[in-house]
Amino acid sequence: MANEDKKDFNAMLQDSKDMPKLQTITDPKSIARYGGDRMYFAPPMDYDKAMRQIPWGKVITVGKIRECFAK
């Protein structure tokens, strides 16, 4: 990837971008696909905290992390 030496990944992780937020979706295809009419957008730090709870050597998918956030 280009310019990786210029990226500050710590700053990108700390940038919440007005999150967390809940959004109501109205598209019937999206409602059927995701199983509801509300969507939760988590900040990057929440994903980081969830991934750090996984024991070393174990694997978790983004879908499983999203399920945890949905609860």
Protein backbone atom coordinates (compact mmCIF):
# COMPACT_ATOMS: atom_id res chain seq x y z
CA MET A 1 0.00 0.00 0.00
CA ALA A 2 1.18 3.47 -0.76
CA ASN A 3 2.04 5.99 1.95
CA GLU A 4 1.86 3.54 4.86
CA ASP A 5 4.82 5.28 6.46
CA LYS A 6 2.74 8.48 6.61
CA LYS A 7 -0.37 6.93 8.20
CA ASP A 8 -0.87 7.29 11.92
CA PHE A 9 -2.87 4.16 12.77
CA ASN A 10 -3.19 5.15 16.42
CA ALA A 11 -4.87 8.41 15.42
CA MET A 12 -7.18 6.55 13.03
CA LEU A 13 -8.11 4.13 15.82
CA GLN A 14 -8.91 6.98 18.23
CA ASP A 15 -11.01 8.90 15.67
CA SER A 16 -14.63 8.02 16.47
CA LYS A 17 -16.15 9.84 13.45
CA ASP A 18 -19.36 10.76 15.33
CA MET A 19 -19.90 7.16 16.40
CA PRO A 20 -21.56 5.22 17.97
CA LYS A 21 -24.77 5.92 16.15
CA LEU A 22 -28.00 4.13 15.39
CA GLN A 23 -29.61 4.53 12.00
CA THR A 24 -33.03 3.42 10.87
CA ILE A 25 -33.03 1.74 7.49
CA THR A 26 -36.05 1.67 5.21
CA ASP A 27 -34.86 -0.47 2.29
CA PRO A 28 -36.80 -3.77 2.37
CA LYS A 29 -33.84 -5.74 0.97
CA SER A 30 -31.54 -4.46 3.72
CA ILE A 31 -34.12 -5.19 6.40
CA ALA A 32 -34.47 -8.75 5.13
CA ARG A 33 -30.72 -9.21 4.86
CA TYR A 34 -29.78 -7.87 8.29
CA GLY A 35 -32.92 -8.90 10.17
CA GLY A 36 -34.12 -5.56 11.44
CA ASP A 37 -34.76 -1.94 10.66
CA ARG A 38 -32.05 -0.44 12.85
CA MET A 39 -28.30 -0.42 12.25
CA TYR A 40 -25.61 0.22 14.83
CA PHE A 41 -22.35 1.83 13.74
CA ALA A 42 -19.61 1.17 16.27
CA PRO A 43 -16.45 3.27 16.62
CA PRO A 44 -13.09 1.66 15.79
CA MET A 45 -12.15 1.45 19.49
CA ASP A 46 -15.12 -0.85 20.18
CA TYR A 47 -13.93 -3.24 17.46
CA ASP A 48 -10.43 -3.09 18.93
CA LYS A 49 -11.71 -3.91 22.43
CA ALA A 50 -13.76 -6.84 21.09
CA MET A 51 -10.81 -8.26 19.16
CA ARG A 52 -8.50 -7.98 22.16
CA GLN A 53 -10.85 -10.21 24.19
CA ILE A 54 -10.31 -13.12 21.81
CA PRO A 55 -7.67 -15.56 23.12
CA TRP A 56 -4.40 -15.82 21.22
CA GLY A 57 -4.64 -18.31 18.37
CA LYS A 58 -8.44 -18.20 18.13
CA VAL A 59 -10.32 -16.73 15.18
CA ILE A 60 -13.39 -14.50 15.15
CA THR A 61 -15.21 -13.09 12.15
CA VAL A 62 -16.52 -9.59 11.68
CA GLY A 63 -20.00 -11.08 11.56
CA LYS A 64 -19.60 -12.53 15.06
CA ILE A 65 -18.35 -9.17 16.37
CA ARG A 66 -21.39 -7.49 14.83
CA GLU A 67 -23.67 -10.05 16.49
CA CYS A 68 -22.12 -9.19 19.85
CA PHE A 69 -22.71 -5.48 19.22
CA ALA A 70 -26.30 -6.18 18.21
CA LYS A 71 -27.01 -7.78 21.59
